[in-house]
């Protein structure tokens, strides 16, 4: 996520393009721009309750979420916490 934070939407799109071979580069750039503007990608990998609520807000606004799930029932942070130890 630190790489994403320091690179442009165009650079991000170029790096993910091989994973989306049927997608137009312009669309990938727009998606990267949207994610950056929504503050979707965080340098800290641990999903906080505020972060989950932010994501659910976006999903609700898009009409893709009918019911919110409780943070403590769907999130475990132990894997992200372990990963963060290796990159600090």
PDB file of N, CA and C in Angstrom:
ATOM      1  N   UNK A   1       0.806  -1.190   0.000  1.00  0.00           N
ATOM      2  CA  UNK A   1       0.000   0.000   0.000  1.00  0.00           C
ATOM      3  C   UNK A   1       0.852   1.258   0.000  1.00  0.00           C
ATOM      4  N   UNK A   2       2.045   1.164   0.544  1.00  0.00           N
ATOM      5  CA  UNK A   2       2.919   2.344   0.514  1.00  0.00           C
ATOM      6  C   UNK A   2       3.303   2.669  -0.925  1.00  0.00           C
ATOM      7  N   UNK A   3       3.462   1.643  -1.762  1.00  0.00           N
ATOM      8  CA  UNK A   3       3.774   1.882  -3.174  1.00  0.00           C
ATOM      9  C   UNK A   3       2.621   2.627  -3.835  1.00  0.00           C
ATOM     10  N   UNK A   4       1.407   2.192  -3.583  1.00  0.00           N
ATOM     11  CA  UNK A   4       0.222   2.826  -4.166  1.00  0.00           C
ATOM     12  C   UNK A   4       0.143   4.288  -3.743  1.00  0.00           C
ATOM     13  N   UNK A   5       0.461   4.536  -2.494  1.00  0.00           N
ATOM     14  CA  UNK A   5       0.395   5.901  -1.959  1.00  0.00           C
ATOM     15  C   UNK A   5       1.340   6.850  -2.694  1.00  0.00           C
ATOM     16  N   UNK A   6       2.467   6.333  -3.168  1.00  0.00           N
ATOM     17  CA  UNK A   6       3.478   7.201  -3.771  1.00  0.00           C
ATOM     18  C   UNK A   6       3.497   7.152  -5.304  1.00  0.00           C
ATOM     19  N   UNK A   7       2.500   6.525  -5.921  1.00  0.00           N
ATOM     20  CA  UNK A   7       2.458   6.438  -7.380  1.00  0.00           C
ATOM     21  C   UNK A   7       1.134   6.978  -7.932  1.00  0.00           C
ATOM     22  N   UNK A   8       1.198   7.373  -9.174  1.00  0.00           N
ATOM     23  CA  UNK A   8       0.032   7.980  -9.830  1.00  0.00           C
ATOM     24  C   UNK A   8      -0.978   6.911 -10.240  1.00  0.00           C
ATOM     25  N   UNK A   9      -2.225   7.318 -10.466  1.00  0.00           N
ATOM     26  CA  UNK A   9      -3.224   6.370 -10.956  1.00  0.00           C
ATOM     27  C   UNK A   9      -2.790   5.691 -12.258  1.00  0.00           C
ATOM     28  N   UNK A  10      -2.086   6.419 -13.110  1.00  0.00           N
ATOM     29  CA  UNK A  10      -1.603   5.834 -14.363  1.00  0.00           C
ATOM     30  C   UNK A  10      -0.578   4.726 -14.095  1.00  0.00           C
ATOM     31  N   UNK A  11       0.318   4.977 -13.146  1.00  0.00           N
ATOM     32  CA  UNK A  11       1.322   3.961 -12.793  1.00  0.00           C
ATOM     33  C   UNK A  11       0.664   2.745 -12.147  1.00  0.00           C
ATOM     34  N   UNK A  12      -0.319   2.992 -11.312  1.00  0.00           N
ATOM     35  CA  UNK A  12      -1.038   1.890 -10.671  1.00  0.00           C
ATOM     36  C   UNK A  12      -1.756   1.061 -11.735  1.00  0.00           C
ATOM     37  N   UNK A  13      -2.419   1.740 -12.648  1.00  0.00           N
ATOM     38  CA  UNK A  13      -3.134   1.041 -13.722  1.00  0.00           C
ATOM     39  C   UNK A  13      -2.182   0.184 -14.549  1.00  0.00           C
ATOM     40  N   UNK A  14      -1.018   0.730 -14.871  1.00  0.00           N
ATOM     41  CA  UNK A  14      -0.020  -0.029 -15.641  1.00  0.00           C
ATOM     42  C   UNK A  14       0.406  -1.283 -14.886  1.00  0.00           C
ATOM     43  N   UNK A  15       0.565  -1.170 -13.583  1.00  0.00           N
ATOM     44  CA  UNK A  15       1.045  -2.308 -12.799  1.00  0.00           C
ATOM     45  C   UNK A  15      -0.012  -3.392 -12.627  1.00  0.00           C
ATOM     46  N   UNK A  16      -1.287  -3.018 -12.627  1.00  0.00           N
ATOM     47  CA  UNK A  16      -2.335  -4.030 -12.447  1.00  0.00           C
ATOM     48  C   UNK A  16      -2.914  -4.521 -13.769  1.00  0.00           C
ATOM     49  N   UNK A  17      -2.580  -3.868 -14.858  1.00  0.00           N
ATOM     50  CA  UNK A  17      -3.148  -4.215 -16.168  1.00  0.00           C
ATOM     51  C   UNK A  17      -3.014  -5.700 -16.520  1.00  0.00           C
ATOM     52  N   UNK A  18      -1.890  -6.362 -16.228  1.00  0.00           N
ATOM     53  CA  UNK A  18      -1.794  -7.785 -16.575  1.00  0.00           C
ATOM     54  C   UNK A  18      -2.837  -8.662 -15.870  1.00  0.00           C
ATOM     55  N   UNK A  19      -3.326  -8.196 -14.731  1.00  0.00           N
ATOM     56  CA  UNK A  19      -4.356  -8.954 -14.006  1.00  0.00           C
ATOM     57  C   UNK A  19      -5.749  -8.761 -14.605  1.00  0.00           C
ATOM     58  N   UNK A  20      -5.887  -7.755 -15.460  1.00  0.00           N
ATOM     59  CA  UNK A  20      -7.169  -7.419 -16.079  1.00  0.00           C
ATOM     60  C   UNK A  20      -6.990  -7.273 -17.594  1.00  0.00           C
ATOM     61  N   UNK A  21      -6.628  -8.360 -18.267  1.00  0.00           N
ATOM     62  CA  UNK A  21      -6.281  -8.263 -19.692  1.00  0.00           C
ATOM     63  C   UNK A  21      -7.420  -7.806 -20.597  1.00  0.00           C
ATOM     64  N   UNK A  22      -8.648  -7.961 -20.161  1.00  0.00           N
ATOM     65  CA  UNK A  22      -9.790  -7.555 -20.975  1.00  0.00           C
ATOM     66  C   UNK A  22     -10.280  -6.147 -20.664  1.00  0.00           C
ATOM     67  N   UNK A  23      -9.590  -5.455 -19.766  1.00  0.00           N
ATOM     68  CA  UNK A  23     -10.014  -4.113 -19.362  1.00  0.00           C
ATOM     69  C   UNK A  23      -9.215  -3.046 -20.092  1.00  0.00           C
ATOM     70  N   UNK A  24      -9.908  -2.000 -20.463  1.00  0.00           N
ATOM     71  CA  UNK A  24      -9.296  -0.854 -21.126  1.00  0.00           C
ATOM     72  C   UNK A  24      -8.455  -0.076 -20.119  1.00  0.00           C
ATOM     73  N   UNK A  25      -7.291   0.387 -20.538  1.00  0.00           N
ATOM     74  CA  UNK A  25      -6.392   1.128 -19.645  1.00  0.00           C
ATOM     75  C   UNK A  25      -7.077   2.369 -19.068  1.00  0.00           C
ATOM     76  N   UNK A  26      -7.897   3.035 -19.842  1.00  0.00           N
ATOM     77  CA  UNK A  26      -8.599   4.226 -19.353  1.00  0.00           C
ATOM     78  C   UNK A  26      -9.494   3.880 -18.160  1.00  0.00           C
ATOM     79  N   UNK A  27     -10.144   2.744 -18.220  1.00  0.00           N
ATOM     80  CA  UNK A  27     -11.003   2.310 -17.111  1.00  0.00           C
ATOM     81  C   UNK A  27     -10.161   2.005 -15.881  1.00  0.00           C
ATOM     82  N   UNK A  28      -9.037   1.329 -16.065  1.00  0.00           N
ATOM     83  CA  UNK A  28      -8.171   1.008 -14.926  1.00  0.00           C
ATOM     84  C   UNK A  28      -7.642   2.281 -14.268  1.00  0.00           C
ATOM     85  N   UNK A  29      -7.311   3.278 -15.063  1.00  0.00           N
ATOM     86  CA  UNK A  29      -6.857   4.553 -14.504  1.00  0.00           C
ATOM     87  C   UNK A  29      -7.981   5.209 -13.708  1.00  0.00           C
ATOM     88  N   UNK A  30      -9.191   5.203 -14.243  1.00  0.00           N
ATOM     89  CA  UNK A  30     -10.326   5.808 -13.533  1.00  0.00           C
ATOM     90  C   UNK A  30     -10.604   5.091 -12.219  1.00  0.00           C
ATOM     91  N   UNK A  31     -10.492   3.772 -12.224  1.00  0.00           N
ATOM     92  CA  UNK A  31     -10.696   3.009 -10.986  1.00  0.00           C
ATOM     93  C   UNK A  31      -9.626   3.387  -9.964  1.00  0.00           C
ATOM     94  N   UNK A  32      -8.370   3.452 -10.400  1.00  0.00           N
ATOM     95  CA  UNK A  32      -7.290   3.836  -9.488  1.00  0.00           C
ATOM     96  C   UNK A  32      -7.507   5.253  -8.947  1.00  0.00           C
ATOM     97  N   UNK A  33      -7.941   6.169  -9.813  1.00  0.00           N
ATOM     98  CA  UNK A  33      -8.244   7.537  -9.365  1.00  0.00           C
ATOM     99  C   UNK A  33      -9.340   7.536  -8.317  1.00  0.00           C
ATOM    100  N   UNK A  34     -10.406   6.761  -8.576  1.00  0.00           N
ATOM    101  CA  UNK A  34     -11.525   6.704  -7.631  1.00  0.00           C
ATOM    102  C   UNK A  34     -11.076   6.139  -6.295  1.00  0.00           C
ATOM    103  N   UNK A  35     -10.335   5.037  -6.329  1.00  0.00           N
ATOM    104  CA  UNK A  35      -9.872   4.433  -5.076  1.00  0.00           C
ATOM    105  C   UNK A  35      -8.990   5.400  -4.296  1.00  0.00           C
ATOM    106  N   UNK A  36      -8.119   6.117  -4.984  1.00  0.00           N
ATOM    107  CA  UNK A  36      -7.263   7.078  -4.290  1.00  0.00           C
ATOM    108  C   UNK A  36      -8.098   8.221  -3.704  1.00  0.00           C
ATOM    109  N   UNK A  37      -9.077   8.717  -4.461  1.00  0.00           N
ATOM    110  CA  UNK A  37      -9.889   9.836  -3.975  1.00  0.00           C
ATOM    111  C   UNK A  37     -10.791   9.428  -2.815  1.00  0.00           C
ATOM    112  N   UNK A  38     -11.182   8.152  -2.783  1.00  0.00           N
ATOM    113  CA  UNK A  38     -12.015   7.656  -1.691  1.00  0.00           C
ATOM    114  C   UNK A  38     -11.174   7.262  -0.475  1.00  0.00           C
ATOM    115  N   UNK A  39      -9.854   7.358  -0.627  1.00  0.00           N
ATOM    116  CA  UNK A  39      -8.941   6.960   0.439  1.00  0.00           C
ATOM    117  C   UNK A  39      -9.123   5.479   0.773  1.00  0.00           C
ATOM    118  N   UNK A  40      -9.322   4.687  -0.287  1.00  0.00           N
ATOM    119  CA  UNK A  40      -9.562   3.254  -0.127  1.00  0.00           C
ATOM    120  C   UNK A  40      -8.299   2.510   0.289  1.00  0.00           C
ATOM    121  N   UNK A  41      -7.176   2.877  -0.291  1.00  0.00           N
ATOM    122  CA  UNK A  41      -5.913   2.200  -0.006  1.00  0.00           C
ATOM    123  C   UNK A  41      -5.193   2.918   1.121  1.00  0.00           C
ATOM    124  N   UNK A  42      -4.967   2.221   2.190  1.00  0.00           N
ATOM    125  CA  UNK A  42      -4.299   2.788   3.354  1.00  0.00           C
ATOM    126  C   UNK A  42      -2.896   2.194   3.486  1.00  0.00           C
ATOM    127  N   UNK A  43      -1.933   2.961   3.993  1.00  0.00           N
ATOM    128  CA  UNK A  43      -0.593   2.401   4.182  1.00  0.00           C
ATOM    129  C   UNK A  43      -0.559   1.336   5.286  1.00  0.00           C
ATOM    130  N   UNK A  44      -1.481   1.417   6.220  1.00  0.00           N
ATOM    131  CA  UNK A  44      -1.581   0.428   7.290  1.00  0.00           C
ATOM    132  C   UNK A  44      -2.564  -0.643   6.836  1.00  0.00           C
ATOM    133  N   UNK A  45      -2.140  -1.886   6.845  1.00  0.00           N
ATOM    134  CA  UNK A  45      -2.956  -2.982   6.322  1.00  0.00           C
ATOM    135  C   UNK A  45      -4.094  -3.407   7.239  1.00  0.00           C
ATOM    136  N   UNK A  46      -4.093  -2.947   8.484  1.00  0.00           N
ATOM    137  CA  UNK A  46      -5.106  -3.362   9.453  1.00  0.00           C
ATOM    138  C   UNK A  46      -6.412  -2.628   9.176  1.00  0.00           C
ATOM    139  N   UNK A  47      -7.468  -3.393   8.952  1.00  0.00           N
ATOM    140  CA  UNK A  47      -8.791  -2.817   8.708  1.00  0.00           C
ATOM    141  C   UNK A  47      -9.423  -2.437  10.046  1.00  0.00           C
ATOM    142  N   UNK A  48      -9.581  -1.140  10.258  1.00  0.00           N
ATOM    143  CA  UNK A  48     -10.190  -0.660  11.491  1.00  0.00           C
ATOM    144  C   UNK A  48     -11.714  -0.655  11.345  1.00  0.00           C
ATOM    145  N   UNK A  49     -12.380  -0.456  12.452  1.00  0.00           N
ATOM    146  CA  UNK A  49     -13.842  -0.368  12.401  1.00  0.00           C
ATOM    147  C   UNK A  49     -14.277   0.843  11.575  1.00  0.00           C
ATOM    148  N   UNK A  50     -13.564   1.966  11.731  1.00  0.00           N
ATOM    149  CA  UNK A  50     -13.862   3.144  10.910  1.00  0.00           C
ATOM    150  C   UNK A  50     -13.652   2.847   9.429  1.00  0.00           C
ATOM    151  N   UNK A  51     -12.589   2.117   9.122  1.00  0.00           N
ATOM    152  CA  UNK A  51     -12.314   1.750   7.740  1.00  0.00           C
ATOM    153  C   UNK A  51     -13.393   0.873   7.150  1.00  0.00           C
ATOM    154  N   UNK A  52     -13.862  -0.085   7.931  1.00  0.00           N
ATOM    155  CA  UNK A  52     -14.944  -0.951   7.466  1.00  0.00           C
ATOM    156  C   UNK A  52     -16.215  -0.134   7.249  1.00  0.00           C
ATOM    157  N   UNK A  53     -16.513   0.754   8.172  1.00  0.00           N
ATOM    158  CA  UNK A  53     -17.705   1.590   8.016  1.00  0.00           C
ATOM    159  C   UNK A  53     -17.613   2.474   6.776  1.00  0.00           C
ATOM    160  N   UNK A  54     -16.420   2.998   6.512  1.00  0.00           N
ATOM    161  CA  UNK A  54     -16.206   3.812   5.310  1.00  0.00           C
ATOM    162  C   UNK A  54     -16.480   2.973   4.054  1.00  0.00           C
ATOM    163  N   UNK A  55     -15.961   1.755   4.037  1.00  0.00           N
ATOM    164  CA  UNK A  55     -16.180   0.868   2.901  1.00  0.00           C
ATOM    165  C   UNK A  55     -17.668   0.531   2.746  1.00  0.00           C
ATOM    166  N   UNK A  56     -18.342   0.274   3.855  1.00  0.00           N
ATOM    167  CA  UNK A  56     -19.773  -0.045   3.775  1.00  0.00           C
ATOM    168  C   UNK A  56     -20.581   1.173   3.337  1.00  0.00           C
ATOM    169  N   UNK A  57     -20.150   2.391   3.728  1.00  0.00           N
ATOM    170  CA  UNK A  57     -20.809   3.612   3.242  1.00  0.00           C
ATOM    171  C   UNK A  57     -20.756   3.674   1.717  1.00  0.00           C
ATOM    172  N   UNK A  58     -19.569   3.409   1.171  1.00  0.00           N
ATOM    173  CA  UNK A  58     -19.388   3.440  -0.290  1.00  0.00           C
ATOM    174  C   UNK A  58     -20.265   2.379  -0.947  1.00  0.00           C
ATOM    175  N   UNK A  59     -20.300   1.200  -0.378  1.00  0.00           N
ATOM    176  CA  UNK A  59     -21.110   0.113  -0.946  1.00  0.00           C
ATOM    177  C   UNK A  59     -22.606   0.439  -0.882  1.00  0.00           C
ATOM    178  N   UNK A  60     -23.031   1.066   0.216  1.00  0.00           N
ATOM    179  CA  UNK A  60     -24.435   1.478   0.326  1.00  0.00           C
ATOM    180  C   UNK A  60     -24.784   2.534  -0.723  1.00  0.00           C
ATOM    181  N   UNK A  61     -23.906   3.506  -0.879  1.00  0.00           N
ATOM    182  CA  UNK A  61     -24.153   4.565  -1.864  1.00  0.00           C
ATOM    183  C   UNK A  61     -24.225   4.008  -3.280  1.00  0.00           C
ATOM    184  N   UNK A  62     -23.513   2.917  -3.523  1.00  0.00           N
ATOM    185  CA  UNK A  62     -23.536   2.279  -4.845  1.00  0.00           C
ATOM    186  C   UNK A  62     -24.728   1.339  -5.000  1.00  0.00           C
ATOM    187  N   UNK A  63     -25.503   1.176  -3.922  1.00  0.00           N
ATOM    188  CA  UNK A  63     -26.661   0.291  -3.976  1.00  0.00           C
ATOM    189  C   UNK A  63     -26.298  -1.185  -3.918  1.00  0.00           C
ATOM    190  N   UNK A  64     -25.111  -1.491  -3.373  1.00  0.00           N
ATOM    191  CA  UNK A  64     -24.627  -2.872  -3.349  1.00  0.00           C
ATOM    192  C   UNK A  64     -24.623  -3.496  -1.961  1.00  0.00           C
ATOM    193  N   UNK A  65     -25.152  -2.805  -0.984  1.00  0.00           N
ATOM    194  CA  UNK A  65     -25.151  -3.345   0.372  1.00  0.00           C
ATOM    195  C   UNK A  65     -26.526  -3.152   0.988  1.00  0.00           C
ATOM    196  N   UNK A  66     -27.165  -4.250   1.326  1.00  0.00           N
ATOM    197  CA  UNK A  66     -28.497  -4.202   1.924  1.00  0.00           C
ATOM    198  C   UNK A  66     -28.446  -4.162   3.450  1.00  0.00           C
ATOM    199  N   UNK A  67     -27.416  -4.800   4.025  1.00  0.00           N
ATOM    200  CA  UNK A  67     -27.338  -4.904   5.480  1.00  0.00           C
ATOM    201  C   UNK A  67     -25.873  -4.847   5.908  1.00  0.00           C
ATOM    202  N   UNK A  68     -25.619  -4.079   6.938  1.00  0.00           N
ATOM    203  CA  UNK A  68     -24.255  -3.969   7.473  1.00  0.00           C
ATOM    204  C   UNK A  68     -23.948  -5.143   8.396  1.00  0.00           C
ATOM    205  N   UNK A  69     -22.696  -5.586   8.337  1.00  0.00           N
ATOM    206  CA  UNK A  69     -22.237  -6.665   9.215  1.00  0.00           C
ATOM    207  C   UNK A  69     -21.437  -6.053  10.367  1.00  0.00           C
ATOM    208  N   UNK A  70     -21.551  -6.634  11.548  1.00  0.00           N
ATOM    209  CA  UNK A  70     -20.790  -6.123  12.694  1.00  0.00           C
ATOM    210  C   UNK A  70     -19.292  -6.388  12.515  1.00  0.00           C
ATOM    211  N   UNK A  71     -18.496  -5.385  12.781  1.00  0.00           N
ATOM    212  CA  UNK A  71     -17.040  -5.456  12.636  1.00  0.00           C
ATOM    213  C   UNK A  71     -16.458  -6.687  13.328  1.00  0.00           C
ATOM    214  N   UNK A  72     -16.807  -6.868  14.583  1.00  0.00           N
ATOM    215  CA  UNK A  72     -16.204  -7.949  15.375  1.00  0.00           C
ATOM    216  C   UNK A  72     -16.615  -9.348  14.907  1.00  0.00           C
ATOM    217  N   UNK A  73     -17.601  -9.440  14.030  1.00  0.00           N
ATOM    218  CA  UNK A  73     -18.014 -10.738  13.521  1.00  0.00           C
ATOM    219  C   UNK A  73     -17.414 -11.072  12.154  1.00  0.00           C
ATOM    220  N   UNK A  74     -16.888 -10.073  11.452  1.00  0.00           N
ATOM    221  CA  UNK A  74     -16.377 -10.356  10.104  1.00  0.00           C
ATOM    222  C   UNK A  74     -14.913  -9.983   9.890  1.00  0.00           C
ATOM    223  N   UNK A  75     -14.292  -9.314  10.848  1.00  0.00           N
ATOM    224  CA  UNK A  75     -12.915  -8.861  10.659  1.00  0.00           C
ATOM    225  C   UNK A  75     -11.992  -9.534  11.664  1.00  0.00           C
ATOM    226  N   UNK A  76     -10.879 -10.026  11.147  1.00  0.00           N
ATOM    227  CA  UNK A  76      -9.773 -10.439  12.007  1.00  0.00           C
ATOM    228  C   UNK A  76      -8.548  -9.665  11.531  1.00  0.00           C
ATOM    229  N   UNK A  77      -7.818  -9.121  12.462  1.00  0.00           N
ATOM    230  CA  UNK A  77      -6.677  -8.287  12.093  1.00  0.00           C
ATOM    231  C   UNK A  77      -5.345  -8.998  12.278  1.00  0.00           C
ATOM    232  N   UNK A  78      -5.353 -10.224  12.763  1.00  0.00           N
ATOM    233  CA  UNK A  78      -4.086 -10.881  13.119  1.00  0.00           C
ATOM    234  C   UNK A  78      -3.169 -11.068  11.912  1.00  0.00           C
ATOM    235  N   UNK A  79      -3.706 -11.368  10.739  1.00  0.00           N
ATOM    236  CA  UNK A  79      -2.860 -11.579   9.567  1.00  0.00           C
ATOM    237  C   UNK A  79      -2.227 -10.263   9.106  1.00  0.00           C
ATOM    238  N   UNK A  80      -3.016  -9.199   9.093  1.00  0.00           N
ATOM    239  CA  UNK A  80      -2.480  -7.899   8.701  1.00  0.00           C
ATOM    240  C   UNK A  80      -1.458  -7.404   9.710  1.00  0.00           C
ATOM    241  N   UNK A  81      -1.709  -7.638  10.985  1.00  0.00           N
ATOM    242  CA  UNK A  81      -0.761  -7.222  12.012  1.00  0.00           C
ATOM    243  C   UNK A  81       0.561  -7.952  11.847  1.00  0.00           C
ATOM    244  N   UNK A  82       0.516  -9.241  11.537  1.00  0.00           N
ATOM    245  CA  UNK A  82       1.741 -10.013  11.290  1.00  0.00           C
ATOM    246  C   UNK A  82       2.472  -9.500  10.056  1.00  0.00           C
ATOM    247  N   UNK A  83       1.724  -9.208   9.005  1.00  0.00           N
ATOM    248  CA  UNK A  83       2.338  -8.703   7.774  1.00  0.00           C
ATOM    249  C   UNK A  83       3.005  -7.357   8.025  1.00  0.00           C
ATOM    250  N   UNK A  84       2.382  -6.506   8.811  1.00  0.00           N
ATOM    251  CA  UNK A  84       2.940  -5.185   9.100  1.00  0.00           C
ATOM    252  C   UNK A  84       4.278  -5.320   9.860  1.00  0.00           C
ATOM    253  N   UNK A  85       4.425  -6.347  10.669  1.00  0.00           N
ATOM    254  CA  UNK A  85       5.675  -6.547  11.404  1.00  0.00           C
ATOM    255  C   UNK A  85       6.833  -6.791  10.441  1.00  0.00           C
ATOM    256  N   UNK A  86       6.563  -7.423   9.319  1.00  0.00           N
ATOM    257  CA  UNK A  86       7.626  -7.783   8.398  1.00  0.00           C
ATOM    258  C   UNK A  86       8.053  -6.611   7.505  1.00  0.00           C
ATOM    259  N   UNK A  87       7.215  -5.570   7.399  1.00  0.00           N
ATOM    260  CA  UNK A  87       7.560  -4.468   6.507  1.00  0.00           C
ATOM    261  C   UNK A  87       7.994  -3.208   7.252  1.00  0.00           C
ATOM    262  N   UNK A  88       7.992  -3.234   8.545  1.00  0.00           N
ATOM    263  CA  UNK A  88       8.418  -2.043   9.315  1.00  0.00           C
ATOM    264  C   UNK A  88       9.885  -2.085   9.608  1.00  0.00           C
TER     265      UNK A  88
END
